[in-house]
């Protein structure tokens, strides 16, 4: 993905890099003709970009890359363009049960974003535990966190990936296996 991101930077093309991963989880991989030999795919990474009036997504993992896919619309890129300054300043607050008590868990899921717009790069990340709410120990930051634009962006990206994945549209470029 680094090579592709650098190509986009060199062309001064705005992009979003996205990763969702869990620590301590087990990943089951299906071995078939679309799999790189001698490699077990790890957490996928995704790039989104607009170029020549079209919006693209490309999937990557530790085994190599997939072919880019043209998206039907530019909702994700438009959302980032419209909310870039807000996303740049937003930070998810910790799950707090009160002003002195923070809740943490192990084996959580984490989201990471690198957003490049007009050569300005922002990095944002969060632990999805901080978006949750337990009735026994309510999160005083629940409303605040779940109303952030970065959380809305995460939901939009996740929805698009699930849709494309369910249609089996991500095809590995076997010539670029590592």
Foldseek 3Di string as FASTA:
>chain_A
DVVVVVVCVVVQWWKKKKWKDWPPDDDDDDDDPLDAPPDDWDTKMKMWTDDPNWIWMWIATPFFTWDIDTDPDCVLVVLCVVCVVQVQPDAQDFQALDPVRGDDDHGFMKMWMWTAHSNDIGIYMDTCVSCDADPVRGGPCNVVRCPGSVNVSVVVVVVVVVVCVVVVNTGHPNVGTD
